[in-house]
């Protein structure tokens, strides 16, 4: 990566980390479905404008029409449903905690790809999965045993349910990745993003209308949803696709490791969220597991690239 690409990656991580802050602010006023319908709707409008500016309109409409059903499915799996699950989780959990749980997305991606696409899991990657999910248990346990210290007033059952919702969101991200690989190969990323956002908006719009809050919505909440739709969805997607194009998908996906840093930072700075030692420990364990499970770390001393004991190490023993 060039220095410019690294700066862009940090900006992307800061934007996606901030999404958890804005969800935490907006969900209390809007509720789950209205907030997320506005997020994907604003993001869809932004991406439609960009798509029209960058692609021939007729060709874009033809692709969207031909792939309408897969795009709607990915829109539900990758946006509508997980966004709502994260919003529900943030009715209980802090922005920092949910941003850390979001880092398990590559773990679920590896599991789903193994079960569905028959991708091979080496011994080292399997160990990484186990470590990553152990980190999730550490994080959730920290929230349950010390809710007051972590700024929570919920019961252990409510906290566990919120954490399960956040994990469900990341599982859906993993399913969406494999579904996209199976059914949307060959479609450019901008068209996929635009089509899936349109699909997510169509699905969430009826729920948003039915559940629109009766109480007045504060300017602070309106500001948060605008930031979610424009900055954390529209601009962030465009920046992500740019990084994929110039640096490659493997390097672009490393943003996953930086998002929790900003999620925790923004929550502490702007919401006064407490950052406990247990929370940091769980975050570190999750990131270590993710780095192994995704192949970012391809070997450790004593192990070969495929996760087995290397011949050199065996001779030393």
C-alpha atoms as a PDB file:
ATOM      1  CA  UNK A   1       0.000   0.000   0.000  1.00  0.00           C
ATOM      2  CA  UNK A   2       1.138   3.532  -0.730  1.00  0.00           C
ATOM      3  CA  UNK A   3       1.032   6.186   2.017  1.00  0.00           C
ATOM      4  CA  UNK A   4      -2.042   7.648   0.281  1.00  0.00           C
ATOM      5  CA  UNK A   5      -3.796   4.273   0.384  1.00  0.00           C
ATOM      6  CA  UNK A   6      -3.001   3.890   4.084  1.00  0.00           C
ATOM      7  CA  UNK A   7      -4.516   7.308   4.806  1.00  0.00           C
ATOM      8  CA  UNK A   8      -7.600   6.347   2.799  1.00  0.00           C
ATOM      9  CA  UNK A   9      -7.909   3.090   4.713  1.00  0.00           C
ATOM     10  CA  UNK A  10      -7.724   4.956   8.026  1.00  0.00           C
ATOM     11  CA  UNK A  11     -10.417   7.375   6.845  1.00  0.00           C
ATOM     12  CA  UNK A  12     -12.607   4.428   5.856  1.00  0.00           C
ATOM     13  CA  UNK A  13     -12.084   2.780   9.242  1.00  0.00           C
ATOM     14  CA  UNK A  14     -12.921   6.059  10.959  1.00  0.00           C
ATOM     15  CA  UNK A  15     -16.158   6.368   8.956  1.00  0.00           C
ATOM     16  CA  UNK A  16     -17.275   2.799   9.559  1.00  0.00           C
ATOM     17  CA  UNK A  17     -16.237   3.027  13.203  1.00  0.00           C
ATOM     18  CA  UNK A  18     -18.354   6.176  13.500  1.00  0.00           C
ATOM     19  CA  UNK A  19     -21.405   4.320  12.186  1.00  0.00           C
ATOM     20  CA  UNK A  20     -21.750   2.610  15.571  1.00  0.00           C
ATOM     21  CA  UNK A  21     -21.683   6.009  17.267  1.00  0.00           C
ATOM     22  CA  UNK A  22     -24.417   7.380  14.995  1.00  0.00           C
ATOM     23  CA  UNK A  23     -26.548   4.254  15.392  1.00  0.00           C
ATOM     24  CA  UNK A  24     -26.317   4.589  19.160  1.00  0.00           C
ATOM     25  CA  UNK A  25     -27.452   8.223  18.934  1.00  0.00           C
ATOM     26  CA  UNK A  26     -30.213   7.763  16.365  1.00  0.00           C
ATOM     27  CA  UNK A  27     -31.859   4.507  17.408  1.00  0.00           C
ATOM     28  CA  UNK A  28     -33.273   5.927  20.628  1.00  0.00           C
ATOM     29  CA  UNK A  29     -35.382   8.474  18.682  1.00  0.00           C
ATOM     30  CA  UNK A  30     -36.098   6.688  15.420  1.00  0.00           C
ATOM     31  CA  UNK A  31     -36.320   3.075  16.477  1.00  0.00           C
ATOM     32  CA  UNK A  32     -34.662   0.236  14.605  1.00  0.00           C
ATOM     33  CA  UNK A  33     -36.460  -0.034  11.238  1.00  0.00           C
ATOM     34  CA  UNK A  34     -37.008   3.703  10.554  1.00  0.00           C
ATOM     35  CA  UNK A  35     -33.366   4.524  11.319  1.00  0.00           C
ATOM     36  CA  UNK A  36     -32.000   1.823   9.055  1.00  0.00           C
ATOM     37  CA  UNK A  37     -34.491   2.484   6.257  1.00  0.00           C
ATOM     38  CA  UNK A  38     -33.288   6.080   6.200  1.00  0.00           C
ATOM     39  CA  UNK A  39     -29.662   4.960   6.273  1.00  0.00           C
ATOM     40  CA  UNK A  40     -29.944   2.622   3.288  1.00  0.00           C
ATOM     41  CA  UNK A  41     -32.306   5.001   1.459  1.00  0.00           C
ATOM     42  CA  UNK A  42     -29.898   7.925   1.704  1.00  0.00           C
ATOM     43  CA  UNK A  43     -26.999   5.638   0.814  1.00  0.00           C
ATOM     44  CA  UNK A  44     -28.921   4.321  -2.208  1.00  0.00           C
ATOM     45  CA  UNK A  45     -29.635   7.854  -3.484  1.00  0.00           C
ATOM     46  CA  UNK A  46     -25.956   8.777  -3.111  1.00  0.00           C
ATOM     47  CA  UNK A  47     -24.801   5.655  -4.960  1.00  0.00           C
ATOM     48  CA  UNK A  48     -27.397   6.080  -7.728  1.00  0.00           C
ATOM     49  CA  UNK A  49     -25.994   9.543  -8.464  1.00  0.00           C
ATOM     50  CA  UNK A  50     -22.439   8.163  -8.538  1.00  0.00           C
ATOM     51  CA  UNK A  51     -23.482   5.211 -10.714  1.00  0.00           C
ATOM     52  CA  UNK A  52     -25.167   7.493 -13.257  1.00  0.00           C
ATOM     53  CA  UNK A  53     -22.090   9.732 -13.325  1.00  0.00           C
ATOM     54  CA  UNK A  54     -19.647   6.850 -13.851  1.00  0.00           C
ATOM     55  CA  UNK A  55     -21.542   4.256 -15.896  1.00  0.00           C
ATOM     56  CA  UNK A  56     -23.723   4.379 -19.039  1.00  0.00           C
ATOM     57  CA  UNK A  57     -27.297   4.606 -17.750  1.00  0.00           C
ATOM     58  CA  UNK A  58     -28.737   2.015 -20.121  1.00  0.00           C
ATOM     59  CA  UNK A  59     -26.087  -0.577 -19.286  1.00  0.00           C
ATOM     60  CA  UNK A  60     -26.514   0.010 -15.544  1.00  0.00           C
ATOM     61  CA  UNK A  61     -30.298  -0.361 -15.744  1.00  0.00           C
ATOM     62  CA  UNK A  62     -29.928  -3.519 -17.788  1.00  0.00           C
ATOM     63  CA  UNK A  63     -27.564  -5.083 -15.232  1.00  0.00           C
ATOM     64  CA  UNK A  64     -29.780  -4.061 -12.319  1.00  0.00           C
ATOM     65  CA  UNK A  65     -32.799  -5.554 -14.051  1.00  0.00           C
ATOM     66  CA  UNK A  66     -31.091  -8.817 -14.978  1.00  0.00           C
ATOM     67  CA  UNK A  67     -29.694  -9.345 -11.470  1.00  0.00           C
ATOM     68  CA  UNK A  68     -32.614  -7.843  -9.527  1.00  0.00           C
ATOM     69  CA  UNK A  69     -33.415 -10.900  -7.402  1.00  0.00           C
ATOM     70  CA  UNK A  70     -29.825 -11.677  -6.273  1.00  0.00           C
ATOM     71  CA  UNK A  71     -29.275  -7.960  -5.578  1.00  0.00           C
ATOM     72  CA  UNK A  72     -32.353  -7.816  -3.335  1.00  0.00           C
ATOM     73  CA  UNK A  73     -31.235 -10.945  -1.470  1.00  0.00           C
ATOM     74  CA  UNK A  74     -27.765  -9.511  -0.881  1.00  0.00           C
ATOM     75  CA  UNK A  75     -29.397  -6.211   0.094  1.00  0.00           C
ATOM     76  CA  UNK A  76     -31.285  -8.034   2.836  1.00  0.00           C
ATOM     77  CA  UNK A  77     -28.338 -10.192   3.941  1.00  0.00           C
ATOM     78  CA  UNK A  78     -25.664  -7.515   3.768  1.00  0.00           C
ATOM     79  CA  UNK A  79     -27.557  -4.347   4.717  1.00  0.00           C
ATOM     80  CA  UNK A  80     -31.209  -4.436   5.783  1.00  0.00           C
ATOM     81  CA  UNK A  81     -31.119  -7.326   8.262  1.00  0.00           C
ATOM     82  CA  UNK A  82     -27.640  -6.853   9.797  1.00  0.00           C
ATOM     83  CA  UNK A  83     -28.084  -3.078  10.113  1.00  0.00           C
ATOM     84  CA  UNK A  84     -31.325  -3.661  12.024  1.00  0.00           C
ATOM     85  CA  UNK A  85     -29.699  -6.277  14.235  1.00  0.00           C
ATOM     86  CA  UNK A  86     -26.855  -3.902  15.104  1.00  0.00           C
ATOM     87  CA  UNK A  87     -29.350  -1.125  15.853  1.00  0.00           C
ATOM     88  CA  UNK A  88     -31.266  -3.472  18.145  1.00  0.00           C
ATOM     89  CA  UNK A  89     -28.010  -4.490  19.851  1.00  0.00           C
ATOM     90  CA  UNK A  90     -27.101  -0.849  20.454  1.00  0.00           C
ATOM     91  CA  UNK A  91     -30.273  -0.308  22.433  1.00  0.00           C
ATOM     92  CA  UNK A  92     -28.307  -2.229  25.084  1.00  0.00           C
ATOM     93  CA  UNK A  93     -24.629  -2.445  24.138  1.00  0.00           C
ATOM     94  CA  UNK A  94     -22.220   0.457  23.737  1.00  0.00           C
ATOM     95  CA  UNK A  95     -20.969   1.650  20.359  1.00  0.00           C
ATOM     96  CA  UNK A  96     -17.473   0.413  21.240  1.00  0.00           C
ATOM     97  CA  UNK A  97     -18.599  -3.117  22.094  1.00  0.00           C
ATOM     98  CA  UNK A  98     -20.677  -3.521  18.947  1.00  0.00           C
ATOM     99  CA  UNK A  99     -17.802  -2.266  16.801  1.00  0.00           C
ATOM    100  CA  UNK A 100     -15.598  -4.964  18.341  1.00  0.00           C
ATOM    101  CA  UNK A 101     -18.194  -7.673  17.674  1.00  0.00           C
ATOM    102  CA  UNK A 102     -18.335  -6.424  14.076  1.00  0.00           C
ATOM    103  CA  UNK A 103     -14.710  -7.565  13.741  1.00  0.00           C
ATOM    104  CA  UNK A 104     -15.938 -11.187  13.827  1.00  0.00           C
ATOM    105  CA  UNK A 105     -17.337 -10.775  10.292  1.00  0.00           C
ATOM    106  CA  UNK A 106     -14.297 -12.436   8.628  1.00  0.00           C
ATOM    107  CA  UNK A 107     -14.597 -15.354  11.077  1.00  0.00           C
ATOM    108  CA  UNK A 108     -18.163 -16.054   9.964  1.00  0.00           C
ATOM    109  CA  UNK A 109     -17.098 -15.478   6.363  1.00  0.00           C
ATOM    110  CA  UNK A 110     -14.522 -18.258   6.692  1.00  0.00           C
ATOM    111  CA  UNK A 111     -17.011 -20.630   8.345  1.00  0.00           C
ATOM    112  CA  UNK A 112     -19.726 -20.031   5.741  1.00  0.00           C
ATOM    113  CA  UNK A 113     -17.268 -20.353   2.847  1.00  0.00           C
ATOM    114  CA  UNK A 114     -16.054 -23.658   4.313  1.00  0.00           C
ATOM    115  CA  UNK A 115     -19.571 -25.076   4.744  1.00  0.00           C
ATOM    116  CA  UNK A 116     -21.102 -23.668   1.555  1.00  0.00           C
ATOM    117  CA  UNK A 117     -18.328 -23.136  -0.984  1.00  0.00           C
ATOM    118  CA  UNK A 118     -16.096 -25.913   0.385  1.00  0.00           C
ATOM    119  CA  UNK A 119     -13.167 -23.539   0.874  1.00  0.00           C
ATOM    120  CA  UNK A 120     -10.342 -25.295   2.681  1.00  0.00           C
ATOM    121  CA  UNK A 121      -9.616 -24.427   6.307  1.00  0.00           C
ATOM    122  CA  UNK A 122      -6.039 -25.131   7.374  1.00  0.00           C
ATOM    123  CA  UNK A 123      -5.161 -26.063  10.923  1.00  0.00           C
ATOM    124  CA  UNK A 124      -3.892 -22.542  11.581  1.00  0.00           C
ATOM    125  CA  UNK A 125      -7.087 -20.941  10.261  1.00  0.00           C
ATOM    126  CA  UNK A 126      -9.194 -23.303  12.367  1.00  0.00           C
ATOM    127  CA  UNK A 127      -7.194 -22.322  15.441  1.00  0.00           C
ATOM    128  CA  UNK A 128      -7.820 -18.692  14.503  1.00  0.00           C
ATOM    129  CA  UNK A 129     -11.583 -19.309  14.411  1.00  0.00           C
ATOM    130  CA  UNK A 130     -11.498 -20.847  17.870  1.00  0.00           C
ATOM    131  CA  UNK A 131      -9.426 -17.967  19.251  1.00  0.00           C
ATOM    132  CA  UNK A 132     -11.674 -15.360  17.655  1.00  0.00           C
ATOM    133  CA  UNK A 133     -14.896 -16.772  19.037  1.00  0.00           C
ATOM    134  CA  UNK A 134     -13.237 -17.217  22.445  1.00  0.00           C
ATOM    135  CA  UNK A 135     -12.582 -13.485  22.329  1.00  0.00           C
ATOM    136  CA  UNK A 136     -16.287 -12.865  21.740  1.00  0.00           C
ATOM    137  CA  UNK A 137     -17.127 -14.910  24.832  1.00  0.00           C
ATOM    138  CA  UNK A 138     -14.588 -12.877  26.832  1.00  0.00           C
ATOM    139  CA  UNK A 139     -16.123  -9.632  25.596  1.00  0.00           C
ATOM    140  CA  UNK A 140     -19.718 -10.631  26.338  1.00  0.00           C
ATOM    141  CA  UNK A 141     -18.773 -12.028  29.739  1.00  0.00           C
ATOM    142  CA  UNK A 142     -17.093  -8.726  30.591  1.00  0.00           C
ATOM    143  CA  UNK A 143     -20.320  -6.890  29.753  1.00  0.00           C
ATOM    144  CA  UNK A 144     -22.425  -9.290  31.828  1.00  0.00           C
ATOM    145  CA  UNK A 145     -20.321  -9.460  34.992  1.00  0.00           C
ATOM    146  CA  UNK A 146     -19.620  -5.726  35.216  1.00  0.00           C
ATOM    147  CA  UNK A 147     -22.567  -3.895  33.572  1.00  0.00           C
ATOM    148  CA  UNK A 148     -22.303  -0.792  35.756  1.00  0.00           C
ATOM    149  CA  UNK A 149     -18.600  -0.373  35.025  1.00  0.00           C
ATOM    150  CA  UNK A 150     -19.345  -0.698  31.319  1.00  0.00           C
ATOM    151  CA  UNK A 151     -22.131   1.865  31.361  1.00  0.00           C
ATOM    152  CA  UNK A 152     -24.945  -0.696  31.091  1.00  0.00           C
ATOM    153  CA  UNK A 153     -28.120  -1.014  33.118  1.00  0.00           C
ATOM    154  CA  UNK A 154     -29.510  -4.107  31.374  1.00  0.00           C
ATOM    155  CA  UNK A 155     -29.946  -7.564  32.844  1.00  0.00           C
ATOM    156  CA  UNK A 156     -27.491 -10.342  31.899  1.00  0.00           C
ATOM    157  CA  UNK A 157     -30.155 -11.950  29.698  1.00  0.00           C
ATOM    158  CA  UNK A 158     -30.797  -8.692  27.820  1.00  0.00           C
ATOM    159  CA  UNK A 159     -27.065  -8.126  27.375  1.00  0.00           C
ATOM    160  CA  UNK A 160     -26.579 -11.663  26.058  1.00  0.00           C
ATOM    161  CA  UNK A 161     -29.514 -11.233  23.653  1.00  0.00           C
ATOM    162  CA  UNK A 162     -28.080  -7.965  22.352  1.00  0.00           C
ATOM    163  CA  UNK A 163     -24.681  -9.597  21.813  1.00  0.00           C
ATOM    164  CA  UNK A 164     -26.380 -12.495  20.003  1.00  0.00           C
ATOM    165  CA  UNK A 165     -28.122  -9.989  17.719  1.00  0.00           C
ATOM    166  CA  UNK A 166     -24.781  -8.348  16.869  1.00  0.00           C
ATOM    167  CA  UNK A 167     -23.220 -11.763  16.193  1.00  0.00           C
ATOM    168  CA  UNK A 168     -26.223 -12.621  14.034  1.00  0.00           C
ATOM    169  CA  UNK A 169     -25.508  -9.496  12.004  1.00  0.00           C
ATOM    170  CA  UNK A 170     -21.917 -10.542  11.359  1.00  0.00           C
ATOM    171  CA  UNK A 171     -23.080 -14.068  10.458  1.00  0.00           C
ATOM    172  CA  UNK A 172     -25.366 -12.539   7.830  1.00  0.00           C
ATOM    173  CA  UNK A 173     -22.399 -10.567   6.475  1.00  0.00           C
ATOM    174  CA  UNK A 174     -20.542 -13.859   6.088  1.00  0.00           C
ATOM    175  CA  UNK A 175     -23.488 -15.492   4.286  1.00  0.00           C
ATOM    176  CA  UNK A 176     -23.831 -12.444   2.028  1.00  0.00           C
ATOM    177  CA  UNK A 177     -20.168 -12.672   1.015  1.00  0.00           C
ATOM    178  CA  UNK A 178     -20.518 -16.291  -0.105  1.00  0.00           C
ATOM    179  CA  UNK A 179     -23.857 -15.633  -1.817  1.00  0.00           C
ATOM    180  CA  UNK A 180     -22.317 -12.707  -3.699  1.00  0.00           C
ATOM    181  CA  UNK A 181     -19.403 -14.866  -4.783  1.00  0.00           C
ATOM    182  CA  UNK A 182     -21.818 -17.510  -6.029  1.00  0.00           C
ATOM    183  CA  UNK A 183     -24.473 -15.367  -7.730  1.00  0.00           C
ATOM    184  CA  UNK A 184     -22.998 -11.933  -8.540  1.00  0.00           C
ATOM    185  CA  UNK A 185     -19.580 -12.768  -9.928  1.00  0.00           C
ATOM    186  CA  UNK A 186     -18.719 -10.525 -12.862  1.00  0.00           C
ATOM    187  CA  UNK A 187     -20.911  -7.625 -11.737  1.00  0.00           C
ATOM    188  CA  UNK A 188     -18.850  -4.537 -10.881  1.00  0.00           C
ATOM    189  CA  UNK A 189     -18.746  -3.507  -7.228  1.00  0.00           C
ATOM    190  CA  UNK A 190     -20.431  -0.124  -7.726  1.00  0.00           C
ATOM    191  CA  UNK A 191     -23.444  -1.708  -9.416  1.00  0.00           C
ATOM    192  CA  UNK A 192     -23.665  -4.362  -6.695  1.00  0.00           C
ATOM    193  CA  UNK A 193     -23.539  -1.733  -3.962  1.00  0.00           C
ATOM    194  CA  UNK A 194     -26.167   0.443  -5.632  1.00  0.00           C
ATOM    195  CA  UNK A 195     -28.497  -2.466  -6.378  1.00  0.00           C
ATOM    196  CA  UNK A 196     -28.233  -3.943  -2.906  1.00  0.00           C
ATOM    197  CA  UNK A 197     -28.900  -0.575  -1.262  1.00  0.00           C
ATOM    198  CA  UNK A 198     -31.975  -0.119  -3.439  1.00  0.00           C
ATOM    199  CA  UNK A 199     -33.133  -3.621  -2.508  1.00  0.00           C
ATOM    200  CA  UNK A 200     -32.551  -2.979   1.201  1.00  0.00           C
ATOM    201  CA  UNK A 201     -34.527   0.266   0.982  1.00  0.00           C
ATOM    202  CA  UNK A 202     -37.482  -1.444  -0.698  1.00  0.00           C
ATOM    203  CA  UNK A 203     -37.563  -4.143   2.000  1.00  0.00           C
ATOM    204  CA  UNK A 204     -37.246  -1.765   4.971  1.00  0.00           C
ATOM    205  CA  UNK A 205     -39.554   1.008   3.743  1.00  0.00           C
ATOM    206  CA  UNK A 206     -42.867  -0.671   4.752  1.00  0.00           C
ATOM    207  CA  UNK A 207     -41.473  -1.496   8.216  1.00  0.00           C
ATOM    208  CA  UNK A 208     -40.225   2.065   8.635  1.00  0.00           C
ATOM    209  CA  UNK A 209     -43.636   3.503   7.760  1.00  0.00           C
ATOM    210  CA  UNK A 210     -45.417   1.103  10.118  1.00  0.00           C
ATOM    211  CA  UNK A 211     -43.023   1.789  13.003  1.00  0.00           C
ATOM    212  CA  UNK A 212     -42.405   5.509  12.491  1.00  0.00           C
ATOM    213  CA  UNK A 213     -42.138   7.131  15.944  1.00  0.00           C
ATOM    214  CA  UNK A 214     -45.020   9.246  17.170  1.00  0.00           C
ATOM    215  CA  UNK A 215     -42.787  11.464  19.324  1.00  0.00           C
ATOM    216  CA  UNK A 216     -40.867  14.371  17.744  1.00  0.00           C
ATOM    217  CA  UNK A 217     -37.369  13.489  16.556  1.00  0.00           C
ATOM    218  CA  UNK A 218     -34.487  15.629  17.755  1.00  0.00           C
ATOM    219  CA  UNK A 219     -32.111  17.468  15.447  1.00  0.00           C
ATOM    220  CA  UNK A 220     -29.287  15.404  16.944  1.00  0.00           C
ATOM    221  CA  UNK A 221     -30.964  12.195  15.759  1.00  0.00           C
ATOM    222  CA  UNK A 222     -31.620  13.653  12.288  1.00  0.00           C
ATOM    223  CA  UNK A 223     -27.973  14.668  12.089  1.00  0.00           C
ATOM    224  CA  UNK A 224     -26.880  11.159  13.018  1.00  0.00           C
ATOM    225  CA  UNK A 225     -29.011   9.531  10.309  1.00  0.00           C
ATOM    226  CA  UNK A 226     -27.690  11.939   7.680  1.00  0.00           C
ATOM    227  CA  UNK A 227     -24.129  11.089   8.717  1.00  0.00           C
ATOM    228  CA  UNK A 228     -24.997   7.382   8.592  1.00  0.00           C
ATOM    229  CA  UNK A 229     -26.469   7.578   5.115  1.00  0.00           C
ATOM    230  CA  UNK A 230     -24.031   9.965   3.441  1.00  0.00           C
ATOM    231  CA  UNK A 231     -20.689   9.496   5.203  1.00  0.00           C
ATOM    232  CA  UNK A 232     -20.836   5.996   6.711  1.00  0.00           C
ATOM    233  CA  UNK A 233     -22.676   4.381   3.787  1.00  0.00           C
ATOM    234  CA  UNK A 234     -22.381   6.328   0.526  1.00  0.00           C
ATOM    235  CA  UNK A 235     -18.900   7.851   0.879  1.00  0.00           C
ATOM    236  CA  UNK A 236     -17.522   4.864   2.793  1.00  0.00           C
ATOM    237  CA  UNK A 237     -18.652   2.394   0.122  1.00  0.00           C
ATOM    238  CA  UNK A 238     -17.078   4.490  -2.606  1.00  0.00           C
ATOM    239  CA  UNK A 239     -13.802   4.695  -0.691  1.00  0.00           C
ATOM    240  CA  UNK A 240     -13.848   0.949  -0.065  1.00  0.00           C
ATOM    241  CA  UNK A 241     -14.351   0.180  -3.757  1.00  0.00           C
ATOM    242  CA  UNK A 242     -11.532   2.576  -4.634  1.00  0.00           C
ATOM    243  CA  UNK A 243      -9.197   0.739  -2.265  1.00  0.00           C
ATOM    244  CA  UNK A 244     -10.204  -2.599  -3.758  1.00  0.00           C
ATOM    245  CA  UNK A 245      -9.365  -1.247  -7.215  1.00  0.00           C
ATOM    246  CA  UNK A 246      -5.990   0.298  -6.370  1.00  0.00           C
ATOM    247  CA  UNK A 247      -4.717  -1.924  -3.543  1.00  0.00           C
ATOM    248  CA  UNK A 248      -6.618  -5.203  -4.029  1.00  0.00           C
ATOM    249  CA  UNK A 249      -9.352  -6.859  -1.936  1.00  0.00           C
ATOM    250  CA  UNK A 250      -6.955  -8.602   0.468  1.00  0.00           C
ATOM    251  CA  UNK A 251      -5.410  -5.316   1.568  1.00  0.00           C
ATOM    252  CA  UNK A 252      -8.695  -3.413   1.551  1.00  0.00           C
ATOM    253  CA  UNK A 253     -10.291  -5.926   3.907  1.00  0.00           C
ATOM    254  CA  UNK A 254      -7.650  -5.144   6.546  1.00  0.00           C
ATOM    255  CA  UNK A 255      -9.903  -2.206   7.431  1.00  0.00           C
ATOM    256  CA  UNK A 256     -11.708  -4.787   9.603  1.00  0.00           C
ATOM    257  CA  UNK A 257      -8.825  -4.664  12.084  1.00  0.00           C
ATOM    258  CA  UNK A 258      -8.913  -0.879  12.429  1.00  0.00           C
ATOM    259  CA  UNK A 259     -12.679  -0.287  12.745  1.00  0.00           C
ATOM    260  CA  UNK A 260     -12.863  -1.363  16.442  1.00  0.00           C
ATOM    261  CA  UNK A 261     -10.153   1.156  17.330  1.00  0.00           C
ATOM    262  CA  UNK A 262     -12.255   4.003  15.995  1.00  0.00           C
ATOM    263  CA  UNK A 263     -15.505   2.513  17.288  1.00  0.00           C
ATOM    264  CA  UNK A 264     -14.113   2.440  20.822  1.00  0.00           C
ATOM    265  CA  UNK A 265     -12.483   5.863  20.427  1.00  0.00           C
ATOM    266  CA  UNK A 266     -15.602   7.664  19.135  1.00  0.00           C
ATOM    267  CA  UNK A 267     -17.795   6.051  21.799  1.00  0.00           C
ATOM    268  CA  UNK A 268     -15.435   7.152  24.558  1.00  0.00           C
ATOM    269  CA  UNK A 269     -14.951  10.691  23.206  1.00  0.00           C
ATOM    270  CA  UNK A 270     -18.514  11.596  22.234  1.00  0.00           C
ATOM    271  CA  UNK A 271     -20.708   9.345  24.394  1.00  0.00           C
ATOM    272  CA  UNK A 272     -18.526   9.014  27.461  1.00  0.00           C
ATOM    273  CA  UNK A 273     -18.477   5.210  27.175  1.00  0.00           C
ATOM    274  CA  UNK A 274     -16.246   3.348  29.594  1.00  0.00           C
ATOM    275  CA  UNK A 275     -13.437   1.290  28.088  1.00  0.00           C
ATOM    276  CA  UNK A 276     -12.744  -1.597  30.454  1.00  0.00           C
ATOM    277  CA  UNK A 277      -9.664  -3.806  30.554  1.00  0.00           C
ATOM    278  CA  UNK A 278     -11.861  -6.819  29.783  1.00  0.00           C
ATOM    279  CA  UNK A 279     -13.243  -5.098  26.717  1.00  0.00           C
ATOM    280  CA  UNK A 280      -9.751  -4.347  25.390  1.00  0.00           C
ATOM    281  CA  UNK A 281      -8.632  -7.904  26.117  1.00  0.00           C
ATOM    282  CA  UNK A 282     -11.610  -9.363  24.266  1.00  0.00           C
ATOM    283  CA  UNK A 283     -10.953  -7.033  21.339  1.00  0.00           C
ATOM    284  CA  UNK A 284      -7.305  -8.088  21.157  1.00  0.00           C
ATOM    285  CA  UNK A 285      -8.170 -11.794  21.222  1.00  0.00           C
ATOM    286  CA  UNK A 286     -10.815 -11.352  18.503  1.00  0.00           C
ATOM    287  CA  UNK A 287      -8.364  -9.509  16.254  1.00  0.00           C
ATOM    288  CA  UNK A 288      -5.654 -12.132  16.773  1.00  0.00           C
ATOM    289  CA  UNK A 289      -8.111 -14.881  15.893  1.00  0.00           C
ATOM    290  CA  UNK A 290      -9.351 -12.972  12.860  1.00  0.00           C
ATOM    291  CA  UNK A 291      -5.818 -12.378  11.574  1.00  0.00           C
ATOM    292  CA  UNK A 292      -5.161 -16.138  11.717  1.00  0.00           C
ATOM    293  CA  UNK A 293      -8.552 -17.218  10.343  1.00  0.00           C
ATOM    294  CA  UNK A 294      -8.374 -14.884   7.350  1.00  0.00           C
ATOM    295  CA  UNK A 295      -4.792 -15.737   6.450  1.00  0.00           C
ATOM    296  CA  UNK A 296      -3.416 -12.266   7.221  1.00  0.00           C
ATOM    297  CA  UNK A 297      -0.956 -14.148   9.438  1.00  0.00           C
ATOM    298  CA  UNK A 298      -0.008 -17.127   7.298  1.00  0.00           C
ATOM    299  CA  UNK A 299       2.289 -18.883   9.714  1.00  0.00           C
ATOM    300  CA  UNK A 300       3.561 -18.816  13.269  1.00  0.00           C
ATOM    301  CA  UNK A 301       6.877 -20.170  14.539  1.00  0.00           C
ATOM    302  CA  UNK A 302       6.792 -23.944  14.428  1.00  0.00           C
ATOM    303  CA  UNK A 303       3.961 -24.060  11.880  1.00  0.00           C
ATOM    304  CA  UNK A 304       4.128 -24.232   8.091  1.00  0.00           C
ATOM    305  CA  UNK A 305       2.109 -22.030   5.810  1.00  0.00           C
ATOM    306  CA  UNK A 306      -0.737 -24.537   5.897  1.00  0.00           C
ATOM    307  CA  UNK A 307      -0.894 -24.650   9.638  1.00  0.00           C
ATOM    308  CA  UNK A 308       0.939 -27.970  10.160  1.00  0.00           C
ATOM    309  CA  UNK A 309       4.223 -28.502  11.977  1.00  0.00           C
ATOM    310  CA  UNK A 310       7.054 -27.590   9.624  1.00  0.00           C
ATOM    311  CA  UNK A 311       9.793 -30.118   8.762  1.00  0.00           C
ATOM    312  CA  UNK A 312      12.454 -27.801  10.167  1.00  0.00           C
ATOM    313  CA  UNK A 313      10.642 -27.548  13.483  1.00  0.00           C
ATOM    314  CA  UNK A 314      10.146 -31.301  13.561  1.00  0.00           C
ATOM    315  CA  UNK A 315      13.880 -31.897  13.078  1.00  0.00           C
ATOM    316  CA  UNK A 316      14.678 -29.537  15.958  1.00  0.00           C
ATOM    317  CA  UNK A 317      12.395 -31.542  18.207  1.00  0.00           C
END
